Amino acid sequence: MGTNFYLRSGQHIGKRSAIGYYCWNCRIQCNGEKCPNCGKTFKGNVMTEGAVAVELGFAKPNTQSERNVVRRVSSFTWDMDPKLQLPSAIVDGYGKTYSIKEFKEQVLANCPIQIFTEIGRNFT
């Protein structure tokens, strides 16, 4: 499950995918609902908040104030080199258009794990 993102020209930028639990406090991925470092636990419903709910369209991305807890999050796998200048608009696989600011705040800021090993492989 995931959402692909493209330039208006159709060039693939990358893919957001739900990956599991992440402690925003310790900045580590967790094997379960409890952070092994600080002991904080996930409290919520996976179908109404977090990465899976965002991917399914049931929830909006987390806000900054919600990031001091364990949450289900997404990763972002880059197909295009993020060092390149992005244009003024990005479109997701469902046709929603994002400004660069919205893409950074609503997509990338909620993907604490970013993968750069697939750059240039033209995957989808």
N, C-alpha and C. Protein backbone atom coordinates (compact mmCIF):
# COMPACT_ATOMS: atom_id res chain seq x y z
N MET A 1 0.85 -1.15 0.00
CA MET A 1 0.00 0.00 0.00
C MET A 1 0.90 1.23 0.00
N GLY A 2 0.51 2.25 -0.73
CA GLY A 2 1.29 3.48 -0.75
C GLY A 2 0.71 4.45 -1.76
N THR A 3 1.28 5.63 -1.78
CA THR A 3 0.86 6.67 -2.72
C THR A 3 2.07 7.16 -3.48
N ASN A 4 1.96 7.17 -4.80
CA ASN A 4 3.02 7.69 -5.66
C ASN A 4 2.84 9.18 -5.87
N PHE A 5 3.95 9.88 -6.05
CA PHE A 5 3.94 11.32 -6.29
C PHE A 5 4.71 11.62 -7.56
N TYR A 6 4.19 12.59 -8.33
CA TYR A 6 4.73 12.90 -9.65
C TYR A 6 4.86 14.40 -9.86
N LEU A 7 5.75 14.77 -10.79
CA LEU A 7 5.74 16.13 -11.31
C LEU A 7 4.57 16.23 -12.27
N ARG A 8 4.17 17.43 -12.63
CA ARG A 8 3.08 17.59 -13.60
C ARG A 8 3.42 16.93 -14.94
N SER A 9 4.70 16.84 -15.26
CA SER A 9 5.14 16.21 -16.50
C SER A 9 4.95 14.70 -16.49
N GLY A 10 4.64 14.14 -15.32
CA GLY A 10 4.47 12.70 -15.19
C GLY A 10 5.69 11.99 -14.62
N GLN A 11 6.79 12.71 -14.44
CA GLN A 11 7.99 12.10 -13.87
C GLN A 11 7.73 11.71 -12.42
N HIS A 12 8.09 10.48 -12.09
CA HIS A 12 7.86 9.94 -10.75
C HIS A 12 8.85 10.54 -9.77
N ILE A 13 8.35 11.08 -8.66
CA ILE A 13 9.20 11.64 -7.61
C ILE A 13 9.54 10.57 -6.59
N GLY A 14 8.51 9.83 -6.17
CA GLY A 14 8.72 8.81 -5.15
C GLY A 14 7.42 8.28 -4.62
N LYS A 15 7.53 7.45 -3.58
CA LYS A 15 6.35 6.78 -3.05
C LYS A 15 6.34 6.83 -1.53
N ARG A 16 5.18 7.18 -0.99
CA ARG A 16 4.96 7.14 0.46
C ARG A 16 4.31 5.80 0.79
N SER A 17 4.84 5.12 1.80
CA SER A 17 4.32 3.81 2.20
C SER A 17 4.23 3.72 3.71
N ALA A 18 3.13 3.18 4.21
CA ALA A 18 2.99 2.95 5.65
C ALA A 18 4.02 1.91 6.08
N ILE A 19 4.74 2.19 7.18
CA ILE A 19 5.80 1.25 7.59
C ILE A 19 5.70 0.74 9.02
N GLY A 20 4.85 1.30 9.83
CA GLY A 20 4.73 0.79 11.20
C GLY A 20 4.94 1.87 12.25
N TYR A 21 5.32 1.45 13.42
CA TYR A 21 5.43 2.35 14.57
C TYR A 21 6.76 3.08 14.61
N TYR A 22 6.69 4.34 15.06
CA TYR A 22 7.87 5.20 15.14
C TYR A 22 7.71 6.08 16.36
N CYS A 23 8.76 6.22 17.16
CA CYS A 23 8.72 7.11 18.32
C CYS A 23 9.30 8.46 17.91
N TRP A 24 8.43 9.47 17.86
CA TRP A 24 8.87 10.82 17.49
C TRP A 24 9.75 11.41 18.58
N ASN A 25 9.57 10.97 19.81
CA ASN A 25 10.36 11.48 20.92
C ASN A 25 11.82 11.03 20.81
N CYS A 26 12.03 9.74 20.51
CA CYS A 26 13.37 9.17 20.43
C CYS A 26 13.90 9.12 18.99
N ARG A 27 13.02 9.35 18.03
CA ARG A 27 13.36 9.31 16.60
C ARG A 27 13.89 7.95 16.17
N ILE A 28 13.14 6.90 16.57
CA ILE A 28 13.50 5.54 16.15
C ILE A 28 12.25 4.78 15.73
N GLN A 29 12.45 3.80 14.85
CA GLN A 29 11.37 2.91 14.46
C GLN A 29 11.23 1.85 15.55
N CYS A 30 9.99 1.52 15.89
CA CYS A 30 9.72 0.56 16.95
C CYS A 30 9.18 -0.74 16.36
N ASN A 31 9.48 -1.86 17.00
CA ASN A 31 8.96 -3.15 16.55
C ASN A 31 7.51 -3.36 16.92
N GLY A 32 7.02 -2.57 17.84
CA GLY A 32 5.63 -2.71 18.28
C GLY A 32 5.11 -1.37 18.75
N GLU A 33 4.05 -1.42 19.52
CA GLU A 33 3.38 -0.21 19.97
C GLU A 33 4.13 0.54 21.07
N LYS A 34 5.19 -0.04 21.62
CA LYS A 34 5.93 0.57 22.72
C LYS A 34 7.36 0.89 22.30
N CYS A 35 7.80 2.12 22.62
CA CYS A 35 9.17 2.51 22.31
C CYS A 35 10.13 1.81 23.27
N PRO A 36 11.15 1.14 22.75
CA PRO A 36 12.10 0.45 23.63
C PRO A 36 12.98 1.41 24.43
N ASN A 37 13.08 2.68 23.99
CA ASN A 37 13.93 3.65 24.70
C ASN A 37 13.19 4.37 25.82
N CYS A 38 12.08 5.03 25.48
CA CYS A 38 11.41 5.88 26.46
C CYS A 38 10.17 5.24 27.09
N GLY A 39 9.69 4.14 26.51
CA GLY A 39 8.54 3.44 27.06
C GLY A 39 7.19 3.99 26.66
N LYS A 40 7.17 5.09 25.87
CA LYS A 40 5.88 5.61 25.42
C LYS A 40 5.21 4.59 24.52
N THR A 41 3.88 4.59 24.54
CA THR A 41 3.13 3.62 23.75
C THR A 41 2.16 4.31 22.81
N PHE A 42 1.77 3.58 21.77
CA PHE A 42 0.78 4.06 20.82
C PHE A 42 -0.58 4.03 21.49
N LYS A 43 -1.28 5.15 21.42
CA LYS A 43 -2.64 5.21 21.94
C LYS A 43 -3.51 5.77 20.83
N GLY A 44 -4.35 4.97 20.30
CA GLY A 44 -5.20 5.43 19.23
C GLY A 44 -5.75 4.28 18.43
N ASN A 45 -6.42 4.63 17.35
CA ASN A 45 -7.05 3.66 16.47
C ASN A 45 -6.33 3.74 15.13
N VAL A 46 -5.75 2.64 14.67
CA VAL A 46 -4.97 2.65 13.42
C VAL A 46 -5.83 2.97 12.20
N MET A 47 -7.14 2.80 12.30
CA MET A 47 -7.99 3.09 11.15
C MET A 47 -8.49 4.53 11.12
N THR A 48 -8.24 5.30 12.18
CA THR A 48 -8.68 6.70 12.18
C THR A 48 -7.53 7.68 12.35
N GLU A 49 -6.32 7.20 12.61
CA GLU A 49 -5.17 8.08 12.72
C GLU A 49 -3.90 7.31 12.38
N GLY A 50 -2.90 8.03 11.96
CA GLY A 50 -1.63 7.40 11.62
C GLY A 50 -1.52 7.08 10.14
N ALA A 51 -0.43 6.41 9.79
CA ALA A 51 -0.06 6.19 8.40
C ALA A 51 -1.09 5.43 7.58
N VAL A 52 -1.62 4.35 8.12
CA VAL A 52 -2.59 3.56 7.37
C VAL A 52 -3.84 4.39 7.09
N ALA A 53 -4.32 5.11 8.09
CA ALA A 53 -5.51 5.94 7.92
C ALA A 53 -5.27 7.05 6.90
N VAL A 54 -4.06 7.63 6.91
CA VAL A 54 -3.73 8.67 5.93
C VAL A 54 -3.71 8.07 4.53
N GLU A 55 -3.08 6.90 4.36
CA GLU A 55 -3.01 6.25 3.05
C GLU A 55 -4.40 5.92 2.51
N LEU A 56 -5.31 5.53 3.40
CA LEU A 56 -6.67 5.18 2.98
C LEU A 56 -7.58 6.39 2.85
N GLY A 57 -7.09 7.57 3.24
CA GLY A 57 -7.89 8.79 3.15
C GLY A 57 -8.83 9.01 4.31
N PHE A 58 -8.66 8.26 5.41
CA PHE A 58 -9.52 8.40 6.58
C PHE A 58 -9.02 9.46 7.56
N ALA A 59 -7.79 9.93 7.37
CA ALA A 59 -7.21 10.88 8.31
C ALA A 59 -6.27 11.83 7.59
N LYS A 60 -6.05 12.97 8.22
CA LYS A 60 -5.08 13.93 7.71
C LYS A 60 -3.73 13.63 8.36
N PRO A 61 -2.62 14.09 7.74
CA PRO A 61 -1.31 13.87 8.35
C PRO A 61 -1.22 14.48 9.74
N ASN A 62 -0.36 13.92 10.57
CA ASN A 62 -0.16 14.41 11.94
C ASN A 62 0.33 15.84 11.94
N THR A 63 -0.04 16.57 12.98
CA THR A 63 0.47 17.92 13.15
C THR A 63 1.70 17.88 14.04
N GLN A 64 2.45 18.94 14.05
CA GLN A 64 3.68 19.00 14.85
C GLN A 64 3.41 18.68 16.32
N SER A 65 2.29 19.15 16.86
CA SER A 65 2.00 18.93 18.28
C SER A 65 1.74 17.46 18.61
N GLU A 66 1.42 16.66 17.60
CA GLU A 66 1.14 15.24 17.83
C GLU A 66 2.38 14.37 17.66
N ARG A 67 3.53 14.99 17.46
CA ARG A 67 4.71 14.21 17.13
C ARG A 67 5.60 13.87 18.32
N ASN A 68 5.12 13.98 19.53
CA ASN A 68 5.96 13.62 20.66
C ASN A 68 5.53 12.29 21.26
N VAL A 69 4.91 11.46 20.43
CA VAL A 69 4.40 10.17 20.89
C VAL A 69 4.76 9.09 19.88
N VAL A 70 4.43 7.85 20.23
CA VAL A 70 4.58 6.74 19.29
C VAL A 70 3.40 6.77 18.33
N ARG A 71 3.68 6.75 17.05
CA ARG A 71 2.65 6.79 16.02
C ARG A 71 2.98 5.80 14.91
N ARG A 72 1.98 5.41 14.18
CA ARG A 72 2.21 4.65 12.95
C ARG A 72 2.55 5.68 11.89
N VAL A 73 3.63 5.45 11.17
CA VAL A 73 4.12 6.44 10.20
C VAL A 73 4.37 5.80 8.84
N SER A 74 4.75 6.67 7.91
CA SER A 74 5.11 6.24 6.56
C SER A 74 6.58 6.53 6.29
N SER A 75 7.10 5.83 5.31
CA SER A 75 8.43 6.15 4.78
C SER A 75 8.20 6.83 3.44
N PHE A 76 9.22 7.48 2.93
CA PHE A 76 9.16 8.03 1.58
C PHE A 76 10.37 7.50 0.83
N THR A 77 10.12 6.78 -0.26
CA THR A 77 11.19 6.23 -1.08
C THR A 77 11.33 7.14 -2.30
N TRP A 78 12.49 7.75 -2.43
CA TRP A 78 12.74 8.70 -3.52
C TRP A 78 13.10 7.98 -4.81
N ASP A 79 12.46 8.40 -5.90
CA ASP A 79 12.83 7.96 -7.24
C ASP A 79 13.62 9.07 -7.94
N MET A 80 13.30 10.31 -7.59
CA MET A 80 13.99 11.48 -8.13
C MET A 80 14.93 12.03 -7.05
N ASP A 81 16.08 12.48 -7.41
CA ASP A 81 17.03 13.02 -6.44
C ASP A 81 16.42 14.23 -5.74
N PRO A 82 16.25 14.19 -4.41
CA PRO A 82 15.62 15.31 -3.71
C PRO A 82 16.46 16.59 -3.72
N LYS A 83 17.73 16.49 -4.13
CA LYS A 83 18.57 17.68 -4.20
C LYS A 83 18.24 18.53 -5.42
N LEU A 84 17.51 17.94 -6.38
CA LEU A 84 17.11 18.69 -7.56
C LEU A 84 16.02 19.69 -7.19
N GLN A 85 15.94 20.77 -7.90
CA GLN A 85 14.92 21.79 -7.65
C GLN A 85 13.55 21.25 -8.03
N LEU A 86 12.63 21.18 -7.07
CA LEU A 86 11.28 20.73 -7.36
C LEU A 86 10.49 21.89 -7.97
N PRO A 87 9.57 21.59 -8.87
CA PRO A 87 8.75 22.64 -9.48
C PRO A 87 7.72 23.18 -8.48
N SER A 88 6.84 23.99 -8.95
CA SER A 88 5.87 24.63 -8.05
C SER A 88 4.74 23.71 -7.62
N ALA A 89 4.54 22.59 -8.29
CA ALA A 89 3.43 21.72 -7.92
C ALA A 89 3.81 20.25 -8.09
N ILE A 90 3.24 19.43 -7.21
CA ILE A 90 3.43 17.99 -7.22
C ILE A 90 2.04 17.36 -7.17
N VAL A 91 1.86 16.26 -7.88
CA VAL A 91 0.56 15.60 -7.95
C VAL A 91 0.71 14.18 -7.43
N ASP A 92 -0.25 13.76 -6.58
CA ASP A 92 -0.19 12.38 -6.11
C ASP A 92 -0.93 11.46 -7.08
N GLY A 93 -0.86 10.18 -6.83
CA GLY A 93 -1.46 9.19 -7.72
C GLY A 93 -2.97 9.25 -7.79
N TYR A 94 -3.59 10.03 -6.92
CA TYR A 94 -5.05 10.17 -6.92
C TYR A 94 -5.49 11.50 -7.53
N GLY A 95 -4.50 12.28 -8.02
CA GLY A 95 -4.82 13.54 -8.70
C GLY A 95 -4.82 14.77 -7.81
N LYS A 96 -4.51 14.61 -6.53
CA LYS A 96 -4.45 15.77 -5.64
C LYS A 96 -3.15 16.53 -5.89
N THR A 97 -3.27 17.86 -6.04
CA THR A 97 -2.11 18.70 -6.29
C THR A 97 -1.64 19.34 -4.99
N TYR A 98 -0.32 19.35 -4.80
CA TYR A 98 0.31 19.94 -3.62
C TYR A 98 1.27 21.03 -4.08
N SER A 99 1.30 22.15 -3.35
CA SER A 99 2.38 23.11 -3.55
C SER A 99 3.62 22.48 -2.93
N ILE A 100 4.78 23.03 -3.19
CA ILE A 100 6.00 22.50 -2.57
C ILE A 100 5.90 22.56 -1.05
N LYS A 101 5.37 23.67 -0.54
CA LYS A 101 5.21 23.83 0.91
C LYS A 101 4.28 22.74 1.47
N GLU A 102 3.15 22.50 0.81
CA GLU A 102 2.22 21.46 1.27
C GLU A 102 2.86 20.08 1.20
N PHE A 103 3.60 19.81 0.13
CA PHE A 103 4.27 18.51 -0.02
C PHE A 103 5.26 18.30 1.13
N LYS A 104 6.02 19.32 1.47
CA LYS A 104 6.99 19.19 2.56
C LYS A 104 6.29 19.04 3.90
N GLU A 105 5.22 19.82 4.15
CA GLU A 105 4.55 19.81 5.45
C GLU A 105 3.61 18.62 5.63
N GLN A 106 2.91 18.23 4.57
CA GLN A 106 1.90 17.19 4.70
C GLN A 106 2.41 15.80 4.33
N VAL A 107 3.44 15.73 3.52
CA VAL A 107 3.95 14.42 3.10
C VAL A 107 5.30 14.14 3.75
N LEU A 108 6.32 14.89 3.39
CA LEU A 108 7.67 14.59 3.87
C LEU A 108 7.82 14.72 5.38
N ALA A 109 7.19 15.71 5.99
CA ALA A 109 7.32 15.89 7.44
C ALA A 109 6.71 14.73 8.21
N ASN A 110 5.84 13.97 7.58
CA ASN A 110 5.21 12.82 8.22
C ASN A 110 5.84 11.49 7.80
N CYS A 111 6.97 11.60 7.12
CA CYS A 111 7.73 10.41 6.70
C CYS A 111 9.12 10.50 7.31
N PRO A 112 9.26 10.14 8.59
CA PRO A 112 10.56 10.29 9.24
C PRO A 112 11.65 9.39 8.66
N ILE A 113 11.25 8.35 7.98
CA ILE A 113 12.23 7.46 7.36
C ILE A 113 12.16 7.69 5.85
N GLN A 114 13.28 8.17 5.30
CA GLN A 114 13.36 8.42 3.88
C GLN A 114 14.42 7.52 3.28
N ILE A 115 14.07 6.92 2.14
CA ILE A 115 14.93 5.92 1.50
C ILE A 115 15.45 6.51 0.19
N PHE A 116 16.77 6.48 0.02
CA PHE A 116 17.41 7.11 -1.14
C PHE A 116 18.05 6.08 -2.09
N THR A 117 17.96 4.80 -1.78
CA THR A 117 18.63 3.77 -2.58
C THR A 117 17.94 3.47 -3.91
N GLU A 118 16.73 3.97 -4.11
CA GLU A 118 15.99 3.67 -5.34
C GLU A 118 16.01 4.83 -6.35
N ILE A 119 16.77 5.88 -6.08
CA ILE A 119 16.81 7.04 -6.97
C ILE A 119 17.22 6.60 -8.38
N GLY A 120 16.41 7.03 -9.34
CA GLY A 120 16.70 6.75 -10.75
C GLY A 120 16.26 5.38 -11.24
N ARG A 121 15.59 4.61 -10.42
CA ARG A 121 15.19 3.26 -10.84
C ARG A 121 13.81 3.22 -11.50
N ASN A 122 13.12 4.35 -11.51
CA ASN A 122 11.81 4.46 -12.18
C ASN A 122 10.82 3.41 -11.71
N PHE A 123 10.74 3.20 -10.42
CA PHE A 123 9.79 2.26 -9.84
C PHE A 123 8.45 2.97 -9.60
N THR A 124 7.40 2.23 -9.42
CA THR A 124 6.11 2.81 -8.99
C THR A 124 5.41 1.85 -8.06
